[in-house]
Amino acid sequence: MWRFFGSTTGIRVTPRRSKTDIHLWHGAPRRLAPAVPGGAHDPLVPGTPSARGAAAALSLAACAFVVACNGSDPAPPPASKAKVFVTGQAANVVVGQPDFTSSTAGTTAAIVDSPYGNPVVAGGKLYLPDYNNARVLGFNAVPTGNGASADFVLGQADFVSSSAAASATGMNGPQTAVTSGGKLLVVDYSYNRVLIWNSLPTSTQVPADVVVGQPDLTTVSQGCSATKLKNPESIAIVGGALVVADTANNRVLVWNAIPTTNGVAADAVFGQPDFTTCSVNTGGLSGTSLHNPSDLATNGTKLAVTDANNNRVLIYNSIPVCAGACTVAPDVVMGQPDFTSNTVDNGGLSATSLDYPYFLASDGARLAVADSSNNRVLIWNSFPTCTPVAPATNCASTTPADVVLGQPDFVSDTADNDGTTFSTNSQGLNNPAGVYFNGVNQLFVADEGNNRFLIFNAQ
């Protein structure tokens, strides 16, 4: 696909996939690298039974890490309390637009512009990344009606500004937000960094305290090292560990603790043989290679990684333990028949196929995948599994998704598809670019192509 990005002088073209998206905006271009398409505050928490089991086997000092269900805390409620999501169901609430049929981008307290990444709810407040407006919108409560206005904003001085700024109070292309231990962390995609607030911001333009990926809060260069990032898409945190999908560097980086000073080096790397190699599918396409990894999620025991440009999701049946370069192979691949294939919708569009799986979420049981170029979100009621055939120790899952949102069935992929109108509505999606479980009965979807977030309540 080709994605077109506007600038003050014209249109900049960056390669992406086999389809075509056109995104234009006024002012400086936000996305500065090869484009990647389009926490419930419920992670695994130390002290819970599953956390104690994981902690017994892993040591953060040895680069062990446990990735949060959605990258934040606290622990999810028991799965028995969960209701169900239904294929093709309509969203209950829209945020970023006044109603379900509007999709015009804007810069106000109630309108967003091309949102990417996962939002987060913490302390009763909702933090919503607004990518093209270079800001994070803060709501004092999760909206229950359409078109709600934000109460405060990060990255800008007011609700009508959208200029990028390389500073502690500015940002450029914010994506996934997560929380842990009273801290807020936000991926700042185009500035190649992760911003950390040591306490949850509750007012406008509060400055970040710490930066990851840069030596200070005014440097924004990209790089390939243990201290640098290149267009990171998402993060996850639990048990004190920070895990970053360093997307354009084709790797996942791990910090054994959330950094408290600027420019701290990562402790481990996945997808590359060392901290200074960042090529696509290094060593050839395999279970340990990556091409634009974009998100991570866990049910508390298993770890899932979206390997977006390889059109697959990789699952580790237990949390890997490693230091430095991690060569642990995943146990399961989703979306492909083996670990050496990366075809779009391999085998045809279905309940198991993927076309640029972008973001992930888990509520501790379910796994939700934003299958962005298929304009849908797939939900498995439990993490997919498979049984290896000896001598193999890993395998491809053929477990179909249980639910699809954004499409009326598993063999459709048209944008804004409610089965009849094919225009912006409460059921269809257009390049979903973020998912987030708020508890077990509510799912947020960043509907990037429609400039909105949809909230789906389980039935």
Protein backbone atom coordinates (compact mmCIF):
# COMPACT_ATOMS: atom_id res chain seq x y z
CA MET A 1 0.00 0.00 0.00
CA TRP A 2 1.14 3.55 -0.56
CA ARG A 3 0.39 6.20 1.99
CA PHE A 4 0.50 9.83 0.98
CA PHE A 5 1.41 12.46 3.53
CA GLY A 6 0.84 16.16 3.07
CA SER A 7 3.37 18.86 3.77
CA THR A 8 3.59 22.60 3.36
CA THR A 9 5.09 22.11 -0.09
CA GLY A 10 3.12 19.19 -1.48
CA ILE A 11 2.60 15.48 -0.93
CA ARG A 12 5.23 13.10 0.34
CA VAL A 13 4.91 9.44 -0.67
CA THR A 14 6.07 6.52 1.44
CA PRO A 15 5.74 2.82 0.58
CA ARG A 16 3.50 0.71 2.72
CA ARG A 17 1.29 -2.05 1.31
CA SER A 18 -0.50 -3.16 -1.84
CA LYS A 19 -3.55 -0.95 -1.40
CA THR A 20 -3.80 2.84 -1.37
CA ASP A 21 -4.54 5.25 1.46
CA ILE A 22 -4.42 9.02 1.06
CA HIS A 23 -3.94 11.16 4.15
CA LEU A 24 -3.47 14.90 3.87
CA TRP A 25 -3.07 17.59 6.48
CA HIS A 26 -2.01 21.21 6.69
CA GLY A 27 1.37 22.16 8.11
CA ALA A 28 4.46 20.07 8.59
CA PRO A 29 4.22 16.32 7.94
CA ARG A 30 3.88 14.28 11.10
CA ARG A 31 5.06 10.80 10.05
CA LEU A 32 8.71 10.97 9.13
CA ALA A 33 9.68 7.41 8.23
CA PRO A 34 8.40 4.53 6.07
CA ALA A 35 4.82 4.47 7.26
CA VAL A 36 3.31 1.64 9.19
CA PRO A 37 -0.41 1.43 8.64
CA GLY A 38 -3.13 1.28 9.64
CA GLY A 39 -2.72 -0.41 28.98
CA ALA A 40 -6.89 -2.20 30.01
CA HIS A 41 -5.41 -0.65 32.68
CA ASP A 42 -5.51 -4.41 33.33
CA PRO A 43 -2.09 -5.98 33.20
CA LEU A 44 -0.62 -8.75 35.20
CA VAL A 45 0.14 -7.33 38.64
CA PRO A 46 2.76 -8.68 41.04
CA GLY A 47 1.10 -10.54 43.85
CA THR A 48 -1.67 -12.14 41.79
CA PRO A 49 -1.49 -15.93 41.36
CA SER A 50 -0.37 -15.76 37.73
CA ALA A 51 2.17 -13.06 38.52
CA ARG A 52 3.62 -15.05 41.39
CA GLY A 53 4.01 -18.04 39.06
CA ALA A 54 5.77 -15.96 36.45
CA ALA A 55 7.96 -14.26 39.02
CA ALA A 56 9.10 -17.61 40.35
CA ALA A 57 10.51 -18.50 36.95
CA LEU A 58 11.83 -15.15 35.82
CA SER A 59 14.30 -12.59 37.04
CA LEU A 60 14.30 -9.02 35.80
CA ALA A 61 18.00 -8.90 36.56
CA ALA A 62 18.45 -11.59 33.92
CA CYS A 63 16.31 -9.58 31.45
CA ALA A 64 13.14 -11.47 32.23
CA PHE A 65 10.03 -9.46 31.62
CA VAL A 66 6.29 -9.83 31.79
CA VAL A 67 4.34 -7.63 29.42
CA ALA A 68 1.09 -6.19 30.69
CA CYS A 69 -2.22 -7.28 29.21
CA ASN A 70 -2.51 -3.83 27.71
CA GLY A 71 0.68 -2.37 29.06
CA SER A 72 -0.64 -0.86 32.30
CA ASP A 73 -2.13 -1.73 35.65
CA PRO A 74 -4.11 -2.98 37.70
CA ALA A 75 -4.99 -6.67 37.29
CA PRO A 76 -8.03 -7.73 35.24
CA PRO A 77 -11.22 -8.95 36.93
CA PRO A 78 -11.98 -12.67 36.76
CA ALA A 79 -12.85 -13.81 33.23
CA SER A 80 -16.13 -15.27 34.54
CA LYS A 81 -17.45 -11.72 34.82
CA ALA A 82 -16.94 -11.06 31.12
CA LYS A 83 -19.84 -10.58 28.76
CA VAL A 84 -19.45 -11.25 25.04
CA PHE A 85 -18.64 -9.24 21.95
CA VAL A 86 -20.66 -10.09 18.84
CA THR A 87 -19.62 -10.14 15.19
CA GLY A 88 -20.60 -6.94 13.40
CA GLN A 89 -21.94 -5.25 16.51
CA ALA A 90 -22.34 -1.50 16.51
CA ALA A 91 -20.20 0.72 18.67
CA ASN A 92 -21.88 2.28 21.68
CA VAL A 93 -19.95 5.55 21.82
CA VAL A 94 -17.80 7.60 19.45
CA VAL A 95 -15.04 9.91 20.68
CA GLY A 96 -13.42 12.42 18.35
CA GLN A 97 -16.54 12.98 16.22
CA PRO A 98 -20.00 14.36 17.07
CA ASP A 99 -21.80 11.27 15.75
CA PHE A 100 -21.30 7.95 13.98
CA THR A 101 -21.62 9.36 10.47
CA SER A 102 -19.03 12.15 10.73
CA SER A 103 -15.37 11.61 9.95
CA THR A 104 -13.82 15.02 9.26
CA ALA A 105 -10.48 15.64 10.96
CA GLY A 106 -10.14 18.70 13.14
CA THR A 107 -8.39 20.35 16.05
CA THR A 108 -10.78 21.02 18.91
CA ALA A 109 -11.47 19.55 22.33
CA ALA A 110 -13.92 17.13 20.69
CA ILE A 111 -12.38 16.34 17.26
CA VAL A 112 -9.25 14.28 16.49
CA ASP A 113 -7.04 13.79 13.46
CA SER A 114 -5.78 10.34 12.42
CA PRO A 115 -5.39 8.64 15.81
CA TYR A 116 -2.82 5.84 16.06
CA GLY A 117 -2.06 3.67 19.08
CA ASN A 118 -3.77 2.38 22.17
CA PRO A 119 -5.41 4.73 24.68
CA VAL A 120 -5.37 4.02 28.40
CA VAL A 121 -7.64 4.58 31.39
CA ALA A 122 -5.97 5.21 34.75
CA GLY A 123 -7.26 6.79 37.92
CA GLY A 124 -10.63 7.10 36.20
CA LYS A 125 -9.10 9.36 33.52
CA LEU A 126 -8.85 8.56 29.82
CA TYR A 127 -5.67 9.42 27.91
CA LEU A 128 -6.34 9.44 24.16
CA PRO A 129 -3.47 9.80 21.63
CA ASP A 130 -4.29 12.23 18.80
CA TYR A 131 -1.48 11.57 16.32
CA ASN A 132 -1.78 14.27 13.67
CA ASN A 133 -2.64 16.94 16.21
CA ALA A 134 0.59 16.17 18.10
CA ARG A 135 -1.22 15.81 21.41
CA VAL A 136 -2.81 13.49 23.97
CA LEU A 137 -6.33 14.39 25.03
CA GLY A 138 -7.25 13.89 28.68
CA PHE A 139 -10.79 13.14 29.87
CA ASN A 140 -11.72 13.15 33.55
CA ALA A 141 -13.98 10.17 32.91
CA VAL A 142 -14.59 7.67 30.12
CA PRO A 143 -17.22 9.26 27.84
CA THR A 144 -20.65 7.65 27.84
CA GLY A 145 -22.11 9.81 25.08
CA ASN A 146 -20.97 10.83 21.60
CA GLY A 147 -18.79 13.85 20.91
CA ALA A 148 -17.43 14.41 24.41
CA SER A 149 -14.94 17.24 24.89
CA ALA A 150 -11.58 16.63 26.54
CA ASP A 151 -10.86 18.27 29.89
CA PHE A 152 -7.11 18.81 29.38
CA VAL A 153 -4.45 18.27 26.73
CA LEU A 154 -0.80 17.21 26.70
CA GLY A 155 1.58 18.33 23.97
CA GLN A 156 -0.23 21.60 23.28
CA ALA A 157 -1.05 24.78 25.18
CA ASP A 158 -4.73 24.66 24.16
CA PHE A 159 -7.28 22.63 22.21
CA VAL A 160 -6.90 24.51 18.91
CA SER A 161 -3.13 24.16 18.42
CA SER A 162 -1.44 21.23 16.68
CA SER A 163 2.18 22.20 16.02
CA ALA A 164 4.91 19.71 16.85
CA ALA A 165 7.57 20.81 19.34
CA ALA A 166 10.77 19.09 20.44
CA SER A 167 10.56 19.75 24.15
CA ALA A 168 9.30 18.37 27.44
CA THR A 169 5.87 19.84 26.73
CA GLY A 170 5.67 19.05 23.01
CA MET A 171 5.36 15.94 20.88
CA ASN A 172 5.13 14.83 17.26
CA GLY A 173 2.95 11.86 16.45
CA PRO A 174 1.98 10.48 19.88
CA GLN A 175 0.74 6.92 19.83
CA THR A 176 0.21 4.29 22.54
CA ALA A 177 -0.17 5.47 26.13
CA VAL A 178 0.29 3.20 29.15
CA THR A 179 0.42 3.66 32.90
CA SER A 180 2.26 1.93 35.71
CA GLY A 181 2.82 2.80 39.35
CA GLY A 182 1.20 6.20 38.95
CA LYS A 183 3.35 7.06 35.92
CA LEU A 184 2.18 7.84 32.39
CA LEU A 185 4.24 6.80 29.37
CA VAL A 186 3.50 7.88 25.80
CA VAL A 187 5.15 6.79 22.56
CA ASP A 188 6.27 9.85 20.57
CA TYR A 189 6.59 8.21 17.16
CA SER A 190 8.08 10.89 14.92
CA TYR A 191 10.46 12.14 17.63
CA ASN A 192 11.81 8.61 18.14
CA ARG A 193 11.22 8.53 21.87
CA VAL A 194 9.05 7.50 24.80
CA LEU A 195 7.98 10.25 27.21
CA ILE A 196 7.50 9.52 30.91
CA TRP A 197 5.52 11.55 33.43
CA ASN A 198 6.37 10.55 37.02
CA SER A 199 2.78 11.21 38.08
CA LEU A 200 -0.43 11.10 36.08
CA PRO A 201 -1.01 14.51 34.44
CA THR A 202 -4.38 16.07 35.20
CA SER A 203 -3.99 19.50 33.60
CA THR A 204 -2.93 21.00 30.27
CA GLN A 205 0.63 20.87 28.93
CA VAL A 206 2.29 19.28 31.95
CA PRO A 207 5.94 18.64 30.96
CA ALA A 208 7.33 15.12 30.77
CA ASP A 209 9.97 14.21 33.36
CA VAL A 210 12.03 11.56 31.56
CA VAL A 211 12.70 10.48 27.99
CA VAL A 212 13.67 7.07 26.59
CA GLY A 213 15.43 6.88 23.22
CA GLN A 214 17.04 10.32 23.44
CA PRO A 215 19.74 11.86 25.65
CA ASP A 216 17.51 14.80 26.54
CA LEU A 217 14.04 16.23 25.93
CA THR A 218 15.05 18.40 22.98
CA THR A 219 16.92 15.84 20.85
CA VAL A 220 14.76 13.89 18.38
CA SER A 221 17.20 12.02 16.11
CA GLN A 222 16.70 8.38 15.22
CA GLY A 223 19.33 5.69 15.56
CA CYS A 224 20.16 2.01 15.93
CA SER A 225 21.75 1.36 19.30
CA ALA A 226 20.84 0.37 22.85
CA THR A 227 19.94 3.99 23.62
CA LYS A 228 18.18 5.06 20.40
CA LEU A 229 14.84 4.37 18.72
CA LYS A 230 13.40 4.75 15.23
CA ASN A 231 9.68 5.42 14.94
CA PRO A 232 8.49 3.26 17.84
CA GLU A 233 4.81 2.32 17.64
CA SER A 234 3.88 0.92 21.03
CA ILE A 235 4.99 -0.03 24.54
CA ALA A 236 4.00 -2.29 27.40
CA ILE A 237 4.90 -2.32 31.08
CA VAL A 238 4.52 -4.72 34.00
CA GLY A 239 6.55 -5.85 36.95
CA GLY A 240 8.76 -2.83 36.49
CA ALA A 241 9.87 -3.73 32.94
CA LEU A 242 9.45 -1.44 29.93
CA VAL A 243 9.06 -3.15 26.54
CA VAL A 244 9.17 -1.07 23.35
CA ALA A 245 8.15 -2.05 19.82
CA ASP A 246 11.00 -0.22 18.03
CA THR A 247 9.16 -0.57 14.76
CA ALA A 248 11.35 0.94 12.05
CA ASN A 249 14.41 -0.71 13.63
CA ASN A 250 12.67 -4.10 13.23
CA ARG A 251 13.17 -5.09 16.85
CA VAL A 252 11.70 -5.14 20.35
CA LEU A 253 13.72 -3.56 23.17
CA VAL A 254 13.43 -4.33 26.88
CA TRP A 255 14.38 -2.21 29.88
CA ASN A 256 14.35 -4.19 33.12
CA ALA A 257 12.97 -1.17 34.96
CA ILE A 258 11.21 2.00 33.88
CA PRO A 259 14.05 4.49 33.42
CA THR A 260 14.24 7.38 35.86
CA THR A 261 16.89 9.33 33.94
CA ASN A 262 17.20 10.27 30.29
CA GLY A 263 18.92 8.12 27.68
CA VAL A 264 19.20 4.85 29.62
CA ALA A 265 20.35 1.88 27.51
CA ALA A 266 18.06 -1.11 26.92
CA ASP A 267 18.90 -4.42 28.59
CA ALA A 268 17.71 -6.81 25.87
CA VAL A 269 16.74 -6.94 22.20
CA PHE A 270 14.46 -9.26 20.23
CA GLY A 271 14.53 -9.63 16.44
CA GLN A 272 18.20 -8.69 15.98
CA PRO A 273 21.55 -10.33 16.84
CA ASP A 274 22.79 -7.21 18.66
CA PHE A 275 21.89 -3.61 19.49
CA THR A 276 23.49 -2.15 16.35
CA THR A 277 21.76 -4.27 13.70
CA CYS A 278 18.32 -3.08 12.61
CA SER A 279 17.70 -4.60 9.18
CA VAL A 280 14.47 -6.18 7.95
CA ASN A 281 14.19 -9.92 8.70
CA THR A 282 17.86 -10.19 9.65
CA GLY A 283 19.24 -13.60 8.66
CA GLY A 284 16.17 -14.29 6.53
CA LEU A 285 12.50 -14.64 7.38
CA SER A 286 12.18 -16.90 10.41
CA GLY A 287 10.54 -17.17 13.79
CA THR A 288 13.10 -14.85 15.33
CA SER A 289 13.20 -12.21 12.59
CA LEU A 290 10.98 -9.13 12.53
CA HIS A 291 9.72 -6.59 10.00
CA ASN A 292 8.02 -3.61 11.62
CA PRO A 293 6.93 -5.10 14.96
CA SER A 294 4.26 -2.74 16.21
CA ASP A 295 2.69 -3.93 19.49
CA LEU A 296 2.75 -6.46 22.34
CA ALA A 297 0.17 -8.03 24.63
CA THR A 298 -0.08 -10.84 27.16
CA ASN A 299 -2.70 -12.82 29.04
CA GLY A 300 -0.32 -13.01 31.99
CA THR A 301 1.36 -16.20 30.80
CA LYS A 302 1.74 -15.95 27.03
CA LEU A 303 3.29 -13.09 25.08
CA ALA A 304 2.01 -11.95 21.66
CA VAL A 305 3.92 -9.66 19.28
CA THR A 306 2.52 -8.13 16.09
CA ASP A 307 5.06 -8.58 13.30
CA ALA A 308 3.11 -6.22 11.10
CA ASN A 309 4.91 -6.21 7.77
CA ASN A 310 5.30 -9.98 7.91
CA ASN A 311 1.51 -10.18 8.25
CA ARG A 312 1.63 -12.33 11.36
CA VAL A 313 1.35 -12.41 15.12
CA LEU A 314 3.97 -14.35 17.07
CA ILE A 315 3.07 -16.02 20.36
CA TYR A 316 5.42 -17.22 23.09
CA ASN A 317 3.74 -19.79 25.34
CA SER A 318 5.83 -18.52 28.24
CA ILE A 319 7.55 -15.22 28.79
CA PRO A 320 11.07 -15.40 27.28
CA VAL A 321 14.08 -15.11 29.57
CA CYS A 322 17.24 -13.65 28.06
CA ALA A 323 19.92 -10.98 28.35
CA GLY A 324 21.38 -8.95 25.53
CA ALA A 325 20.29 -10.45 22.20
CA CYS A 326 17.37 -12.81 22.74
CA THR A 327 17.15 -15.73 20.30
CA VAL A 328 14.21 -17.52 21.93
CA ALA A 329 11.86 -18.64 19.16
CA PRO A 330 8.10 -18.13 19.42
CA ASP A 331 5.91 -21.19 19.85
CA VAL A 332 2.98 -20.18 17.64
CA VAL A 333 2.52 -18.11 14.51
CA MET A 334 -0.85 -16.62 13.55
CA GLY A 335 -1.75 -15.51 10.04
CA GLN A 336 0.79 -17.72 8.24
CA PRO A 337 1.14 -21.49 7.63
CA ASP A 338 4.74 -21.48 8.91
CA PHE A 339 7.50 -19.21 10.20
CA THR A 340 9.03 -18.57 6.77
CA SER A 341 5.93 -17.16 5.04
CA ASN A 342 4.62 -13.60 5.15
CA THR A 343 1.94 -13.42 2.44
CA VAL A 344 -0.97 -11.02 2.88
CA ASP A 345 -4.13 -12.99 3.82
CA ASN A 346 -2.27 -16.24 3.26
CA GLY A 347 -4.75 -18.86 2.06
CA GLY A 348 -7.39 -16.22 1.36
CA LEU A 349 -9.33 -13.78 3.51
CA SER A 350 -10.70 -15.71 6.48
CA ALA A 351 -11.05 -15.85 10.26
CA THR A 352 -7.35 -16.75 10.51
CA SER A 353 -5.78 -14.51 7.86
CA LEU A 354 -4.06 -11.18 8.50
CA ASP A 355 -3.15 -8.11 6.45
CA TYR A 356 -0.86 -5.82 8.42
CA PRO A 357 -1.89 -6.74 11.97
CA TYR A 358 -1.10 -3.52 13.76
CA PHE A 359 -2.09 -3.36 17.43
CA LEU A 360 -3.00 -5.89 20.12
CA ALA A 361 -4.92 -5.97 23.37
CA SER A 362 -5.77 -8.59 25.97
CA ASP A 363 -8.11 -8.47 28.93
CA GLY A 364 -6.32 -11.39 30.57
CA ALA A 365 -8.21 -13.96 28.51
CA ARG A 366 -9.20 -12.59 25.09
CA LEU A 367 -6.80 -11.47 22.39
CA ALA A 368 -7.87 -8.61 20.11
CA VAL A 369 -5.93 -7.86 16.91
CA ALA A 370 -6.36 -4.69 14.85
CA ASP A 371 -6.12 -6.28 11.38
CA SER A 372 -5.69 -2.85 9.88
CA SER A 373 -5.55 -3.34 6.12
CA ASN A 374 -8.54 -5.67 6.32
CA ASN A 375 -10.44 -2.89 8.11
CA ARG A 376 -11.40 -5.09 11.03
CA VAL A 377 -10.62 -6.13 14.58
CA LEU A 378 -10.42 -9.87 15.24
CA ILE A 379 -11.14 -11.20 18.72
CA TRP A 380 -10.13 -14.62 20.01
CA ASN A 381 -11.80 -15.58 23.30
CA SER A 382 -8.50 -17.15 24.32
CA PHE A 383 -4.99 -17.03 22.93
CA PRO A 384 -4.70 -19.34 19.87
CA THR A 385 -2.74 -22.57 20.26
CA CYS A 386 -1.40 -25.40 18.10
CA THR A 387 0.33 -28.76 18.55
CA PRO A 388 3.81 -29.12 17.01
CA VAL A 389 4.58 -32.16 14.89
CA ALA A 390 7.95 -33.68 15.86
CA PRO A 391 10.72 -32.83 15.37
CA ALA A 392 9.34 -29.28 15.19
CA THR A 393 8.90 -27.46 18.50
CA ASN A 394 6.64 -24.72 17.18
CA CYS A 395 3.69 -24.54 14.81
CA ALA A 396 1.11 -22.46 12.98
CA SER A 397 -2.27 -21.86 14.60
CA THR A 398 -5.37 -22.59 12.58
CA THR A 399 -7.67 -21.43 15.38
CA PRO A 400 -10.21 -19.05 13.83
CA ALA A 401 -11.17 -15.80 15.50
CA ASP A 402 -14.40 -15.94 17.48
CA VAL A 403 -15.58 -12.41 16.68
CA VAL A 404 -14.94 -9.78 14.03
CA LEU A 405 -15.69 -6.08 14.49
CA GLY A 406 -15.81 -3.70 11.54
CA GLN A 407 -17.11 -6.32 9.11
CA PRO A 408 -20.34 -8.35 8.90
CA ASP A 409 -18.36 -11.59 8.41
CA PHE A 410 -14.86 -13.03 8.17
CA VAL A 411 -14.59 -12.86 4.37
CA SER A 412 -15.16 -9.13 3.92
CA ASP A 413 -12.55 -6.39 4.13
CA THR A 414 -14.18 -3.24 2.72
CA ALA A 415 -13.76 -0.04 4.72
CA ASP A 416 -16.84 1.26 6.57
CA ASN A 417 -18.70 -1.97 5.90
CA ASP A 418 -21.95 -2.30 7.81
CA GLY A 419 -23.31 -4.63 5.15
CA THR A 420 -25.32 -1.99 3.34
CA THR A 421 -24.05 1.61 3.22
CA PHE A 422 -20.22 1.49 2.99
CA SER A 423 -19.96 4.98 4.41
CA THR A 424 -18.96 6.11 7.91
CA ASN A 425 -21.23 4.38 10.42
CA SER A 426 -21.32 2.76 13.86
CA GLN A 427 -20.30 -0.71 12.68
CA GLY A 428 -17.62 -0.27 10.03
CA LEU A 429 -13.93 0.58 10.41
CA ASN A 430 -11.39 2.30 8.19
CA ASN A 431 -7.80 1.28 8.98
CA PRO A 432 -8.14 0.45 12.69
CA ALA A 433 -4.88 1.52 14.32
CA GLY A 434 -5.26 0.82 18.03
CA VAL A 435 -7.16 -1.42 20.46
CA TYR A 436 -7.55 -1.33 24.22
CA PHE A 437 -9.58 -3.34 26.72
CA ASN A 438 -10.92 -1.19 29.55
CA GLY A 439 -11.66 -4.04 31.91
CA VAL A 440 -13.24 -7.13 30.35
CA ASN A 441 -16.44 -5.64 28.99
CA GLN A 442 -15.30 -2.58 27.03
CA LEU A 443 -13.06 -2.30 23.98
CA PHE A 444 -11.67 0.92 22.48
CA VAL A 445 -10.75 0.94 18.77
CA ALA A 446 -8.74 3.74 17.14
CA ASP A 447 -10.54 4.10 13.80
CA GLU A 448 -7.75 6.08 12.13
CA GLY A 449 -9.28 6.50 8.67
CA ASN A 450 -12.44 7.94 10.19
CA ASN A 451 -10.62 10.22 12.65
CA ARG A 452 -12.28 8.78 15.72
CA PHE A 453 -12.21 6.29 18.58
CA LEU A 454 -15.07 3.83 18.93
CA ILE A 455 -16.10 2.28 22.22
CA PHE A 456 -17.69 -1.17 22.05
CA ASN A 457 -19.44 -2.51 25.13
CA ALA A 458 -19.72 -6.27 25.49
CA GLN A 459 -23.27 -7.59 25.47
